Amino acid sequence: MSLLRAMIEEEWRLHADLFGGRRFGAFPVAVAAIAAGAFWLLSAVGTNPVTIAAGLHALVGFFGLQVGTIGLVGRDAMRDVLGDVTLLVFSSRTLPVSRRRLLATFVLKDLLYYSALFLAPIALAYAPLALTAGDGALSVPSLWVTLAGTFGLGVGLSLALVGLASRHGGLALAAVALASAAVLASGLDPIALTPYGFYAEPTVAAAVAGFAPGAVVAVLGIALFEPGEETSGRQRIGPLSAYARAIPDGTGLARRTVLSVARSSGSVWKVLFSMGVLVVVVVALLSELAHVTVLDPHFGLALGTVLGLGGFTTYAWLTQFEDPSEILRYPIAIERVFASKRRAYLALVLPAGLAYIAVAALWLPPVELVVAAAVFPGVAVYVFGLTAFVAGLSPTALLFDTPLFAAFGAGLAVVAIPLLVAALATTAAPTLTVAVGVGISVLSGLIGTALARRAGPRWERKLRQ
């Protein structure tokens, strides 16, 4: 318990020092306000509370999967890439505590931390909707508990897959295939094996069935995860070296950035993984919406939008090794650094997104694929420009700096909400709605390009002050 308390204090002190105590303390309020706005909007377009709660669990599960990739970051950090940012979790060499105990405590700390700062405000923001629907006051704490369980399931699953993949890449794929086959063969409803099953049907049996898998994968993830690696980063580059050399880049920084991602744990596969999870989430959510409402969502419009929004994760991977103050020591303008990051970003995001759109040809008609391919690049360019302009080379600061988080969230909402609403409202006037959606994407791409060009001079001034 003392180690857990120390990690929580360390986390709070780190963010309070970085962003200021009041700004960091206001973060849950900002999360609640954004969540309340989103719930109101979804309700206004006819989405019922049950569907919203189901979608919320899916998004939180996706978030847990993303946080669980800390396993990939962690192995790099073990090589002192991240310095003393997370001191306690990487102190097994100096403290008489095993790495697995440190990791288990760190995961528990993250679960408590995100449950308090993210999930509790979201559950409270859902309260008006739940009470209006006649669900009763207990539905709010129930939602909080099941969201926390879903987050833990995502983190544990991600750690377990990373642990298997660290031994052999095929093991992770085999485990997913075997688990999927077992669920299908048994005839079990896979939803019942998640905490949402308990939220939908609050019984003792549903609680055991819904929370037990999360506990199992968490234990497996911590047991399988190996902080050290037998292979060097150089071995992971392989054919990506030729790909990086093909990137038009006068400074070499774009190629260096791509190769840095390739050498890091998870290589470029983590870009594919994060975008693949998004595809699964959006398909599941829209399928559920089409099933429980009279809406006929436009999958192509939604898929292109969500893949573009997913570019934020790749931006974080591209900048995880950068120290903005260190760049100032070199004879290169920050503007050129951002230009190189943009080339590297497009070199990774566009092929990955277009590959998933091509995979979607298995179930989507060609017209929707064309729409997805038309919407995706504009949104991806906008996400890059907005992130670079607001957060510079430190996108993770967006997570807990309330003003930055609010500015970034508002900037994303300006583009994402009209596009997602258009994807849900194509039933009335499909041609016009799709045309408006593509138009928004093109306009957002132009705005993103302008923001990216202004990001360099802006951060040059801020960093030199």
Protein backbone atom coordinates (compact mmCIF):
# COMPACT_ATOMS: atom_id res chain seq x y z
CA MET A 1 0.00 0.00 0.00
CA SER A 2 2.88 2.37 0.73
CA LEU A 3 4.21 1.93 -2.81
CA LEU A 4 0.74 2.54 -4.27
CA ARG A 5 0.31 5.67 -2.14
CA ALA A 6 3.75 6.91 -3.22
CA MET A 7 2.92 6.39 -6.90
CA ILE A 8 -0.37 8.27 -6.55
CA GLU A 9 1.39 11.14 -4.79
CA GLU A 10 4.09 11.11 -7.44
CA GLU A 11 1.51 11.26 -10.24
CA TRP A 12 -0.36 14.13 -8.61
CA ARG A 13 2.81 16.09 -7.80
CA LEU A 14 4.16 15.57 -11.34
CA HIS A 15 1.07 16.96 -13.05
CA ALA A 16 0.48 19.67 -10.46
CA ASP A 17 4.07 20.87 -10.96
CA LEU A 18 3.76 20.72 -14.74
CA PHE A 19 0.39 22.43 -15.13
CA GLY A 20 -0.33 24.12 -11.79
CA GLY A 21 -2.50 22.71 -9.01
CA ARG A 22 -5.67 24.62 -9.91
CA ARG A 23 -5.42 23.92 -13.65
CA PHE A 24 -4.87 20.23 -12.99
CA GLY A 25 -7.59 20.16 -10.31
CA ALA A 26 -10.08 21.63 -12.77
CA PHE A 27 -9.49 18.79 -15.20
CA PRO A 28 -12.43 16.57 -14.02
CA VAL A 29 -14.76 19.58 -14.42
CA ALA A 30 -13.69 19.99 -18.04
CA VAL A 31 -14.18 16.26 -18.66
CA ALA A 32 -17.68 16.39 -17.15
CA ALA A 33 -18.64 19.44 -19.24
CA ILE A 34 -17.45 17.86 -22.50
CA ALA A 35 -19.15 14.56 -21.68
CA ALA A 36 -22.43 16.29 -20.76
CA GLY A 37 -22.38 18.17 -24.07
CA ALA A 38 -21.75 14.98 -26.02
CA PHE A 39 -24.57 13.13 -24.20
CA TRP A 40 -26.98 16.00 -24.84
CA LEU A 41 -26.09 16.05 -28.54
CA LEU A 42 -26.50 12.29 -28.93
CA SER A 43 -29.82 12.43 -27.13
CA ALA A 44 -30.96 15.34 -29.33
CA VAL A 45 -30.38 13.28 -32.51
CA GLY A 46 -32.55 10.46 -31.12
CA THR A 47 -29.99 8.12 -29.55
CA ASN A 48 -31.49 6.36 -26.54
CA PRO A 49 -29.62 6.13 -23.18
CA VAL A 50 -29.04 2.39 -23.53
CA THR A 51 -27.14 2.90 -26.77
CA ILE A 52 -25.17 5.79 -25.30
CA ALA A 53 -24.15 3.67 -22.30
CA ALA A 54 -23.13 0.80 -24.58
CA GLY A 55 -21.08 3.14 -26.77
CA LEU A 56 -19.49 4.67 -23.70
CA HIS A 57 -18.29 1.26 -22.53
CA ALA A 58 -16.86 0.55 -25.99
CA LEU A 59 -14.95 3.85 -26.03
CA VAL A 60 -13.62 3.35 -22.50
CA GLY A 61 -12.51 -0.17 -23.46
CA PHE A 62 -10.67 1.32 -26.42
CA PHE A 63 -9.09 3.89 -24.10
CA GLY A 64 -7.96 1.10 -21.80
CA LEU A 65 -6.37 -0.72 -24.71
CA GLN A 66 -4.48 2.45 -25.61
CA VAL A 67 -3.32 3.03 -22.03
CA GLY A 68 -2.24 -0.61 -21.84
CA THR A 69 0.26 0.02 -24.61
CA ILE A 70 2.28 1.69 -21.84
CA GLY A 71 3.89 -1.73 -21.97
CA LEU A 72 5.46 -0.72 -25.24
CA VAL A 73 6.52 2.65 -23.91
CA GLY A 74 7.72 1.05 -20.72
CA ARG A 75 10.31 -1.08 -22.36
CA ASP A 76 11.73 1.97 -24.11
CA ALA A 77 11.65 3.88 -20.87
CA MET A 78 13.60 1.07 -19.28
CA ARG A 79 16.36 2.10 -21.63
CA ASP A 80 16.17 5.56 -20.07
CA VAL A 81 14.47 7.13 -23.05
CA LEU A 82 11.92 8.88 -20.89
CA GLY A 83 14.32 9.79 -18.11
CA ASP A 84 12.76 10.32 -14.68
CA VAL A 85 9.22 11.05 -15.87
CA THR A 86 7.91 7.91 -14.19
CA LEU A 87 10.57 7.37 -11.59
CA LEU A 88 9.03 4.84 -9.25
CA VAL A 89 7.82 2.38 -11.85
CA PHE A 90 11.33 2.15 -13.29
CA SER A 91 13.18 1.91 -10.00
CA SER A 92 13.51 -1.87 -9.68
CA ARG A 93 17.28 -1.51 -9.99
CA THR A 94 17.48 0.65 -6.89
CA LEU A 95 14.55 -0.53 -4.75
CA PRO A 96 14.19 -4.01 -3.25
CA VAL A 97 10.97 -4.53 -5.26
CA SER A 98 10.48 -6.83 -8.23
CA ARG A 99 9.61 -5.42 -11.65
CA ARG A 100 6.31 -7.32 -11.72
CA ARG A 101 5.24 -5.91 -8.37
CA LEU A 102 6.12 -2.43 -9.60
CA LEU A 103 4.15 -3.01 -12.80
CA ALA A 104 1.14 -4.43 -10.93
CA THR A 105 1.16 -1.43 -8.57
CA PHE A 106 1.54 0.95 -11.50
CA VAL A 107 -1.45 -0.61 -13.32
CA LEU A 108 -3.56 -0.40 -10.14
CA LYS A 109 -2.52 3.22 -9.69
CA ASP A 110 -3.53 4.01 -13.29
CA LEU A 111 -6.88 2.27 -12.77
CA LEU A 112 -7.61 4.35 -9.65
CA TYR A 113 -6.30 7.53 -11.22
CA TYR A 114 -8.26 7.32 -14.45
CA SER A 115 -11.35 6.11 -12.60
CA ALA A 116 -11.31 9.25 -10.46
CA LEU A 117 -10.23 11.87 -13.00
CA PHE A 118 -11.90 10.58 -16.19
CA LEU A 119 -14.57 8.02 -15.45
CA ALA A 120 -16.23 9.54 -12.37
CA PRO A 121 -16.91 12.88 -14.16
CA ILE A 122 -18.24 11.01 -17.18
CA ALA A 123 -20.58 8.93 -15.01
CA LEU A 124 -21.81 12.08 -13.25
CA ALA A 125 -22.39 13.78 -16.60
CA TYR A 126 -24.57 10.81 -17.57
CA ALA A 127 -26.76 11.26 -14.47
CA PRO A 128 -29.34 13.68 -16.01
CA LEU A 129 -29.84 11.31 -18.93
CA ALA A 130 -30.21 8.28 -16.64
CA LEU A 131 -32.67 10.03 -14.32
CA THR A 132 -34.72 11.35 -17.26
CA ALA A 133 -34.93 7.82 -18.65
CA GLY A 134 -36.13 6.51 -15.28
CA ASP A 135 -33.06 4.35 -14.63
CA GLY A 136 -32.75 5.48 -11.02
CA ALA A 137 -29.88 7.05 -9.09
CA LEU A 138 -28.07 3.72 -8.63
CA SER A 139 -27.45 3.52 -12.35
CA VAL A 140 -24.80 6.26 -12.03
CA PRO A 141 -22.45 4.47 -9.56
CA SER A 142 -23.17 1.26 -11.44
CA LEU A 143 -22.03 2.96 -14.65
CA TRP A 144 -18.88 4.21 -12.92
CA VAL A 145 -17.97 0.74 -11.61
CA THR A 146 -18.57 -0.98 -14.94
CA LEU A 147 -16.67 1.72 -16.84
CA ALA A 148 -13.73 1.24 -14.46
CA GLY A 149 -13.97 -2.52 -15.00
CA THR A 150 -14.05 -2.03 -18.78
CA PHE A 151 -11.01 0.24 -18.58
CA GLY A 152 -9.18 -2.41 -16.55
CA LEU A 153 -10.19 -5.10 -19.05
CA GLY A 154 -8.72 -3.02 -21.89
CA VAL A 155 -5.46 -2.35 -20.03
CA GLY A 156 -5.07 -6.00 -19.01
CA LEU A 157 -5.84 -7.29 -22.50
CA SER A 158 -3.36 -4.91 -24.07
CA LEU A 159 -0.61 -5.87 -21.60
CA ALA A 160 -1.27 -9.58 -22.15
CA LEU A 161 -1.06 -9.20 -25.94
CA VAL A 162 2.13 -7.16 -25.64
CA GLY A 163 3.55 -9.82 -23.32
CA LEU A 164 2.74 -12.61 -25.78
CA ALA A 165 4.02 -10.62 -28.74
CA SER A 166 7.31 -9.97 -26.91
CA ARG A 167 7.91 -13.74 -26.96
CA HIS A 168 6.68 -14.30 -30.52
CA GLY A 169 4.48 -12.17 -32.72
CA GLY A 170 2.40 -15.17 -33.75
CA LEU A 171 1.47 -16.00 -30.16
CA ALA A 172 -0.66 -12.86 -29.77
CA LEU A 173 -2.53 -13.54 -33.01
CA ALA A 174 -2.99 -17.20 -32.08
CA ALA A 175 -4.35 -16.26 -28.65
CA VAL A 176 -6.88 -13.84 -30.18
CA ALA A 177 -7.94 -16.45 -32.74
CA LEU A 178 -8.30 -19.21 -30.11
CA ALA A 179 -10.26 -16.99 -27.72
CA SER A 180 -12.59 -15.85 -30.51
CA ALA A 181 -13.13 -19.43 -31.69
CA ALA A 182 -13.82 -20.60 -28.12
CA VAL A 183 -16.44 -17.90 -27.56
CA LEU A 184 -18.13 -18.61 -30.90
CA ALA A 185 -18.09 -22.38 -30.36
CA SER A 186 -19.55 -22.08 -26.86
CA GLY A 187 -22.42 -19.92 -28.04
CA LEU A 188 -21.72 -17.36 -25.29
CA ASP A 189 -22.61 -13.75 -25.84
CA PRO A 190 -19.20 -11.97 -25.83
CA ILE A 191 -20.86 -8.88 -24.34
CA ALA A 192 -21.74 -10.94 -21.25
CA LEU A 193 -18.00 -11.49 -20.70
CA THR A 194 -17.44 -7.76 -20.22
CA PRO A 195 -18.47 -5.44 -17.34
CA TYR A 196 -21.15 -4.01 -19.62
CA GLY A 197 -22.96 -7.33 -19.26
CA PHE A 198 -23.37 -6.56 -15.55
CA TYR A 199 -24.49 -2.99 -16.28
CA ALA A 200 -27.15 -4.29 -18.66
CA GLU A 201 -28.23 -7.09 -16.33
CA PRO A 202 -27.14 -6.40 -12.69
CA THR A 203 -27.14 -9.90 -11.20
CA VAL A 204 -24.51 -11.84 -9.25
CA ALA A 205 -23.96 -14.24 -12.15
CA ALA A 206 -23.55 -11.34 -14.58
CA ALA A 207 -21.04 -9.70 -12.21
CA VAL A 208 -18.89 -12.84 -12.09
CA ALA A 209 -19.10 -13.38 -15.85
CA GLY A 210 -18.44 -9.72 -16.61
CA PHE A 211 -15.56 -8.92 -14.25
CA ALA A 212 -13.69 -12.25 -14.05
CA PRO A 213 -12.20 -12.06 -17.60
CA GLY A 214 -10.75 -8.64 -16.79
CA ALA A 215 -9.07 -9.96 -13.65
CA VAL A 216 -7.69 -12.98 -15.53
CA VAL A 217 -6.18 -10.98 -18.41
CA ALA A 218 -4.74 -8.44 -15.96
CA VAL A 219 -2.93 -11.19 -14.03
CA LEU A 220 -1.78 -12.78 -17.30
CA GLY A 221 -0.63 -9.44 -18.67
CA ILE A 222 1.50 -8.68 -15.63
CA ALA A 223 2.88 -12.23 -15.58
CA LEU A 224 3.70 -12.30 -19.30
CA PHE A 225 5.08 -8.81 -19.65
CA GLU A 226 8.86 -8.65 -19.90
CA PRO A 227 10.40 -5.22 -19.42
CA GLY A 228 13.70 -6.24 -21.02
CA GLU A 229 14.06 -7.27 -24.64
CA GLU A 230 16.32 -9.82 -26.27
CA THR A 231 16.24 -8.09 -29.64
CA SER A 232 17.70 -4.70 -30.40
CA GLY A 233 15.72 -1.92 -32.03
CA ARG A 234 17.90 -2.18 -35.15
CA GLN A 235 16.45 -5.61 -35.93
CA ARG A 236 12.94 -4.17 -36.12
CA ILE A 237 13.78 -1.66 -38.86
CA GLY A 238 14.18 -4.21 -41.69
CA PRO A 239 12.49 -3.10 -44.93
CA LEU A 240 11.32 0.12 -43.26
CA SER A 241 14.80 1.50 -43.88
CA ALA A 242 14.14 1.59 -47.63
CA TYR A 243 10.68 3.03 -47.01
CA ALA A 244 12.12 5.82 -44.84
CA ARG A 245 14.73 6.67 -47.48
CA ALA A 246 11.91 7.17 -50.02
CA ILE A 247 10.37 9.98 -47.95
CA PRO A 248 11.11 13.40 -49.51
CA ASP A 249 13.14 14.99 -46.74
CA GLY A 250 15.92 17.55 -47.17
CA THR A 251 16.90 17.54 -43.47
CA GLY A 252 16.72 13.83 -42.72
CA LEU A 253 14.52 14.51 -39.69
CA ALA A 254 11.43 12.85 -41.17
CA ARG A 255 13.39 9.70 -41.96
CA ARG A 256 14.94 9.75 -38.48
CA THR A 257 11.48 10.06 -36.93
CA VAL A 258 10.07 7.12 -38.88
CA LEU A 259 13.09 4.98 -38.04
CA SER A 260 12.81 5.97 -34.36
CA VAL A 261 9.24 4.67 -34.30
CA ALA A 262 10.33 1.53 -36.17
CA ARG A 263 13.12 0.88 -33.63
CA SER A 264 10.92 1.45 -30.59
CA SER A 265 9.00 -1.35 -28.89
CA GLY A 266 6.03 -2.39 -30.98
CA SER A 267 7.63 -0.78 -34.04
CA VAL A 268 5.15 0.56 -36.60
CA TRP A 269 2.78 -2.26 -35.64
CA LYS A 270 1.51 -0.15 -32.76
CA VAL A 271 0.27 2.40 -35.32
CA LEU A 272 -1.69 -0.36 -37.06
CA PHE A 273 -2.88 -1.72 -33.72
CA SER A 274 -4.26 1.58 -32.44
CA MET A 275 -6.04 2.32 -35.72
CA GLY A 276 -7.32 -1.25 -35.93
CA VAL A 277 -8.91 -0.96 -32.50
CA LEU A 278 -10.63 2.21 -33.67
CA VAL A 279 -12.04 0.41 -36.70
CA VAL A 280 -13.43 -2.36 -34.51
CA VAL A 281 -14.98 0.15 -32.11
CA VAL A 282 -16.64 2.25 -34.82
CA VAL A 283 -18.01 -0.79 -36.64
CA ALA A 284 -19.38 -2.23 -33.39
CA LEU A 285 -20.96 1.06 -32.33
CA LEU A 286 -22.59 1.78 -35.68
CA SER A 287 -23.84 -1.78 -35.99
CA GLU A 288 -25.43 -1.49 -32.54
CA LEU A 289 -26.96 1.86 -33.47
CA ALA A 290 -28.41 0.45 -36.66
CA HIS A 291 -29.78 -2.48 -34.66
CA VAL A 292 -31.51 -0.58 -31.86
CA THR A 293 -32.61 2.62 -33.66
CA VAL A 294 -34.23 3.57 -36.93
CA LEU A 295 -30.99 5.20 -38.06
CA ASP A 296 -29.09 3.91 -41.06
CA PRO A 297 -25.53 5.14 -40.38
CA HIS A 298 -23.15 5.83 -43.24
CA PHE A 299 -20.23 3.54 -42.36
CA GLY A 300 -17.89 5.09 -44.92
CA LEU A 301 -18.32 8.61 -43.57
CA ALA A 302 -17.87 7.45 -39.97
CA LEU A 303 -14.92 5.19 -40.79
CA GLY A 304 -13.00 7.94 -42.59
CA THR A 305 -13.69 10.36 -39.74
CA VAL A 306 -12.63 8.03 -36.93
CA LEU A 307 -9.49 6.86 -38.74
CA GLY A 308 -8.50 10.49 -39.21
CA LEU A 309 -9.12 11.27 -35.54
CA GLY A 310 -6.99 8.25 -34.65
CA GLY A 311 -4.00 10.07 -36.10
CA PHE A 312 -3.52 11.71 -32.70
CA THR A 313 -2.08 8.48 -31.29
CA THR A 314 0.44 8.31 -34.11
CA TYR A 315 1.41 11.93 -33.47
CA ALA A 316 2.13 10.94 -29.87
CA TRP A 317 4.32 8.05 -31.02
CA LEU A 318 6.23 10.36 -33.39
CA THR A 319 7.04 12.88 -30.67
CA GLN A 320 7.58 10.59 -27.68
CA PHE A 321 11.37 10.92 -27.91
CA GLU A 322 11.53 14.66 -28.50
CA ASP A 323 12.73 17.19 -25.97
CA PRO A 324 11.70 20.62 -27.32
CA SER A 325 14.27 22.48 -25.23
CA GLU A 326 17.01 20.20 -26.54
CA ILE A 327 16.09 20.96 -30.15
CA LEU A 328 16.92 24.61 -29.53
CA ARG A 329 20.58 23.64 -29.13
CA TYR A 330 20.79 22.59 -32.77
CA PRO A 331 21.08 24.93 -35.78
CA ILE A 332 17.62 24.16 -37.10
CA ALA A 333 14.37 26.10 -36.93
CA ILE A 334 11.45 24.56 -35.04
CA GLU A 335 9.38 25.22 -38.17
CA ARG A 336 11.50 22.72 -40.11
CA VAL A 337 11.15 20.19 -37.30
CA PHE A 338 7.35 20.39 -37.53
CA ALA A 339 7.53 20.12 -41.34
CA SER A 340 9.55 16.92 -40.96
CA LYS A 341 7.15 15.57 -38.36
CA ARG A 342 4.29 16.22 -40.78
CA ARG A 343 6.00 14.20 -43.51
CA ALA A 344 6.70 11.34 -41.11
CA TYR A 345 3.12 11.48 -39.81
CA LEU A 346 1.64 11.29 -43.30
CA ALA A 347 4.09 8.50 -44.25
CA LEU A 348 2.73 6.34 -41.39
CA VAL A 349 -0.90 7.39 -41.02
CA LEU A 350 -2.05 7.48 -44.64
CA PRO A 351 -0.91 3.95 -45.63
CA ALA A 352 -2.29 2.49 -42.39
CA GLY A 353 -5.68 4.20 -42.73
CA LEU A 354 -6.04 3.37 -46.41
CA ALA A 355 -5.13 -0.26 -45.66
CA TYR A 356 -8.01 -0.50 -43.16
CA ILE A 357 -10.36 1.12 -45.66
CA ALA A 358 -9.27 -1.52 -48.17
CA VAL A 359 -9.99 -4.24 -45.58
CA ALA A 360 -13.43 -2.72 -45.07
CA ALA A 361 -14.19 -3.72 -48.68
CA LEU A 362 -15.08 -7.11 -47.20
CA TRP A 363 -18.37 -5.69 -45.87
CA LEU A 364 -18.79 -2.15 -47.24
CA PRO A 365 -20.01 -1.27 -50.74
CA PRO A 366 -17.50 0.52 -53.03
CA VAL A 367 -19.36 3.84 -52.79
CA GLU A 368 -18.88 3.98 -49.01
CA LEU A 369 -15.21 3.02 -49.39
CA VAL A 370 -14.71 5.97 -51.76
CA VAL A 371 -16.34 8.29 -49.22
CA ALA A 372 -14.13 6.93 -46.42
CA ALA A 373 -11.02 7.40 -48.57
CA ALA A 374 -12.11 10.96 -49.39
CA VAL A 375 -12.84 11.97 -45.78
CA PHE A 376 -9.91 10.30 -44.00
CA PRO A 377 -6.91 12.37 -45.31
CA GLY A 378 -8.51 15.75 -44.60
CA VAL A 379 -9.38 14.82 -41.01
CA ALA A 380 -5.92 13.29 -40.44
CA VAL A 381 -4.21 16.47 -41.67
CA TYR A 382 -6.48 18.55 -39.43
CA VAL A 383 -5.62 16.44 -36.38
CA PHE A 384 -1.91 16.91 -37.06
CA GLY A 385 -2.23 20.68 -37.51
CA LEU A 386 -4.45 21.12 -34.45
CA THR A 387 -2.22 18.98 -32.20
CA ALA A 388 0.98 20.66 -33.40
CA PHE A 389 -0.50 24.14 -32.93
CA VAL A 390 -2.04 23.51 -29.49
CA ALA A 391 0.43 21.08 -27.88
CA GLY A 392 3.61 21.44 -29.92
CA LEU A 393 5.95 18.50 -29.47
CA SER A 394 4.41 17.45 -26.13
CA PRO A 395 0.97 16.06 -27.02
CA THR A 396 0.70 14.07 -23.79
CA ALA A 397 0.40 17.42 -21.97
CA LEU A 398 -3.13 17.52 -23.39
CA LEU A 399 -4.13 14.72 -21.05
CA PHE A 400 -4.11 16.74 -17.83
CA ASP A 401 -3.60 20.42 -18.67
CA THR A 402 -7.18 21.66 -18.41
CA PRO A 403 -6.96 24.74 -20.71
CA LEU A 404 -5.03 22.82 -23.37
CA PHE A 405 -7.41 19.86 -23.06
CA ALA A 406 -10.43 22.14 -23.43
CA ALA A 407 -8.92 23.96 -26.43
CA PHE A 408 -7.95 20.71 -28.12
CA GLY A 409 -11.32 19.10 -27.36
CA ALA A 410 -13.18 22.10 -28.75
CA GLY A 411 -10.99 22.08 -31.87
CA LEU A 412 -11.68 18.40 -32.46
CA ALA A 413 -15.39 18.79 -31.77
CA VAL A 414 -15.74 21.50 -34.42
CA VAL A 415 -14.85 18.93 -37.08
CA ALA A 416 -15.75 15.59 -35.49
CA ILE A 417 -19.29 16.36 -34.34
CA PRO A 418 -20.63 17.62 -37.70
CA LEU A 419 -19.03 14.67 -39.49
CA LEU A 420 -20.33 12.06 -37.03
CA VAL A 421 -23.78 13.63 -36.96
CA ALA A 422 -23.75 13.61 -40.77
CA ALA A 423 -22.82 9.91 -40.67
CA LEU A 424 -25.90 9.27 -38.51
CA ALA A 425 -28.23 11.51 -40.51
CA THR A 426 -27.75 10.29 -44.05
CA THR A 427 -31.14 8.58 -44.12
CA ALA A 428 -33.08 11.76 -44.99
CA ALA A 429 -30.83 13.17 -47.74
CA PRO A 430 -27.91 10.79 -48.35
CA THR A 431 -26.30 12.54 -51.34
CA LEU A 432 -26.42 16.01 -49.79
CA THR A 433 -25.19 14.74 -46.39
CA VAL A 434 -22.25 12.89 -47.89
CA ALA A 435 -21.34 15.92 -50.01
CA VAL A 436 -21.40 18.12 -46.90
CA GLY A 437 -19.28 15.58 -45.04
CA VAL A 438 -16.64 15.45 -47.78
CA GLY A 439 -16.71 19.25 -47.97
CA ILE A 440 -16.08 19.52 -44.21
CA SER A 441 -13.18 17.11 -44.54
CA VAL A 442 -11.57 19.10 -47.35
CA LEU A 443 -12.02 22.36 -45.44
CA SER A 444 -10.60 20.82 -42.26
CA GLY A 445 -7.59 19.59 -44.22
CA LEU A 446 -6.91 23.13 -45.44
CA ILE A 447 -7.28 24.50 -41.90
CA GLY A 448 -5.00 21.76 -40.57
CA THR A 449 -2.34 22.66 -43.14
CA ALA A 450 -2.52 26.32 -42.10
CA LEU A 451 -2.31 25.42 -38.40
CA ALA A 452 0.68 23.15 -39.02
CA ARG A 453 2.53 25.98 -40.81
CA ARG A 454 1.85 28.37 -37.94
CA ALA A 455 2.83 25.83 -35.27
CA GLY A 456 6.57 26.20 -35.93
CA PRO A 457 6.85 29.99 -35.49
CA ARG A 458 4.45 29.85 -32.51
CA TRP A 459 6.45 27.26 -30.60
CA GLU A 460 9.76 28.82 -31.63
CA ARG A 461 8.67 32.00 -29.84
CA LYS A 462 7.28 30.15 -26.80
CA LEU A 463 10.33 27.93 -26.33
CA ARG A 464 12.81 30.80 -26.62
CA GLN A 465 10.98 32.99 -24.09
